[in-house]
Protein backbone atom coordinates (compact mmCIF):
# COMPACT_ATOMS: atom_id res chain seq x y z
CA MET A 1 10.63 -20.79 -165.26
CA SER A 2 8.48 -23.83 -165.82
CA TYR A 3 9.04 -24.29 -169.56
CA LYS A 4 11.15 -22.95 -172.43
CA ARG A 5 9.34 -19.99 -173.92
CA VAL A 6 9.36 -19.20 -177.64
CA ILE A 7 8.63 -15.72 -178.98
CA PRO A 8 6.13 -14.71 -180.33
CA ARG A 9 3.94 -17.78 -179.66
CA ASP A 10 4.30 -17.79 -175.90
CA LEU A 11 3.90 -14.02 -175.59
CA PHE A 12 0.43 -14.36 -177.10
CA ASN A 13 -0.43 -17.50 -175.10
CA GLU A 14 0.61 -15.99 -171.76
CA ALA A 15 -1.05 -12.65 -172.51
CA SER A 16 -4.29 -14.49 -173.30
CA LEU A 17 -4.02 -16.46 -170.05
CA LEU A 18 -3.58 -13.29 -167.99
CA LYS A 19 -6.47 -11.62 -169.85
CA CYS A 20 -8.70 -14.59 -168.96
CA TYR A 21 -7.79 -14.45 -165.28
CA GLY A 22 -8.40 -10.68 -165.23
CA GLN A 23 -11.81 -11.18 -166.85
CA LEU A 24 -12.63 -13.91 -164.36
CA TYR A 25 -11.84 -11.56 -161.48
CA ILE A 26 -14.13 -8.88 -162.95
CA GLN A 27 -16.96 -11.40 -163.42
CA LEU A 28 -16.50 -12.76 -159.88
CA GLU A 29 -16.49 -9.21 -158.53
CA ASN A 30 -19.81 -8.56 -160.30
CA LEU A 31 -21.21 -11.60 -158.47
CA GLY A 32 -19.74 -10.53 -155.12
CA MET A 33 -17.43 -13.56 -155.23
CA GLU A 34 -14.05 -11.90 -155.88
CA ASP A 35 -12.61 -13.53 -152.74
CA CYS A 36 -12.84 -16.88 -154.55
CA LEU A 37 -9.77 -15.98 -156.61
CA GLN A 38 -6.77 -16.19 -154.26
CA HIS A 39 -3.21 -15.02 -155.07
CA SER A 40 -0.76 -16.91 -152.88
CA ASP A 41 2.60 -15.27 -153.67
CA ASP A 42 3.98 -12.61 -151.35
CA GLU A 43 6.22 -11.29 -154.14
CA ASN A 44 3.16 -10.46 -156.28
CA LEU A 45 4.47 -12.53 -159.19
CA PHE A 46 2.30 -14.58 -161.49
CA GLN A 47 3.76 -18.06 -161.76
CA ILE A 48 2.78 -19.31 -165.22
CA GLU A 49 3.10 -23.07 -165.52
CA GLN A 50 2.58 -25.49 -168.36
CA ASP A 51 0.47 -28.62 -167.95
CA TRP A 52 2.73 -31.29 -169.37
CA GLY A 53 -0.15 -33.63 -170.20
CA GLY A 54 -1.77 -31.34 -172.75
CA GLY A 55 0.53 -28.34 -172.90
CA GLY A 56 -2.03 -25.88 -171.54
CA LEU A 57 -1.14 -22.94 -169.31
CA THR A 58 -2.26 -22.06 -165.81
CA LEU A 59 -1.29 -19.66 -163.04
CA GLN A 60 0.14 -21.87 -160.32
CA ASN A 61 -0.19 -19.28 -157.56
CA VAL A 62 -3.64 -17.90 -158.37
CA VAL A 63 -6.30 -20.34 -157.25
CA LEU A 64 -10.06 -20.40 -157.73
CA LEU A 65 -11.70 -21.65 -154.55
CA ILE A 66 -15.28 -22.89 -154.73
CA ARG A 67 -16.67 -23.78 -151.30
CA GLY A 68 -13.10 -23.99 -150.03
CA GLU A 69 -12.03 -26.47 -152.72
CA PRO A 70 -9.40 -25.47 -155.31
CA VAL A 71 -10.50 -25.66 -158.95
CA GLN A 72 -7.86 -25.94 -161.65
CA LEU A 73 -8.06 -23.33 -164.41
CA LEU A 74 -6.39 -24.11 -167.73
CA ARG A 75 -5.90 -22.30 -171.02
CA PRO A 76 -5.26 -24.78 -173.87
CA LEU A 77 -2.02 -24.26 -175.75
CA ASN A 78 -2.42 -22.13 -178.92
CA ALA A 79 -6.18 -21.69 -178.39
CA ARG A 80 -7.66 -19.13 -180.76
CA GLY A 81 -10.87 -18.06 -179.01
CA PRO A 82 -11.19 -14.68 -177.27
CA TYR A 83 -11.45 -16.15 -173.73
CA PRO A 84 -10.17 -19.76 -173.87
CA LEU A 85 -10.19 -20.69 -170.18
CA TYR A 86 -11.53 -23.94 -168.72
CA ALA A 87 -12.27 -25.02 -165.17
CA ILE A 88 -11.38 -28.64 -164.42
CA THR A 89 -13.64 -30.21 -161.80
CA ASN A 90 -12.57 -32.84 -159.28
CA ASP A 91 -14.06 -35.53 -161.52
CA GLU A 92 -12.02 -34.20 -164.51
CA GLU A 93 -14.96 -32.52 -166.27
CA GLU A 94 -13.95 -29.47 -168.33
CA ILE A 95 -16.22 -26.46 -168.03
CA SER A 96 -15.79 -23.53 -170.38
CA VAL A 97 -15.44 -20.47 -168.14
CA PHE A 98 -16.48 -17.82 -170.67
CA ASN A 99 -18.68 -17.09 -173.63
CA ASP A 100 -16.99 -15.37 -176.57
CA ASP A 101 -18.05 -11.94 -175.24
CA GLY A 102 -16.27 -12.48 -171.91
CA SER A 103 -19.41 -13.18 -169.89
CA LEU A 104 -19.49 -16.30 -167.75
CA ASP A 105 -20.74 -19.43 -169.50
CA GLU A 106 -24.03 -20.70 -168.02
CA ASP A 107 -22.35 -24.00 -167.00
CA MET A 108 -19.66 -22.01 -165.18
CA LEU A 109 -22.29 -19.88 -163.44
CA ALA A 110 -24.05 -23.03 -162.27
CA PHE A 111 -20.74 -24.49 -161.10
CA LEU A 112 -19.93 -21.32 -159.14
CA GLN A 113 -23.34 -21.36 -157.49
CA THR A 114 -23.56 -25.07 -156.68
CA GLY A 115 -20.00 -26.40 -156.91
CA THR A 116 -21.22 -29.26 -159.14
């Protein structure tokens, strides 16, 4: 376990994180890019980790690969939006992954298509 969990706060935070990753998979599948989301644990566990800098959550063993490069995905701690997931680029730019309806944000679509 990567951090001390507190109920009910962390139940909601982790459920939201998993919902976002599931939605990302569906959106990638619609684009024919589902292979970009790689699960690297043979035990089929989801390793939820906390980013100690800002307290956000990520899945350590599920990686988004864009043109072979890993992209960090992060859900801010205690975020209230319906799909609060962000992609962090190599130059530390934060890109909102989703619109409120669960569709991919236009900046995220451009990032997926160009990697920039």
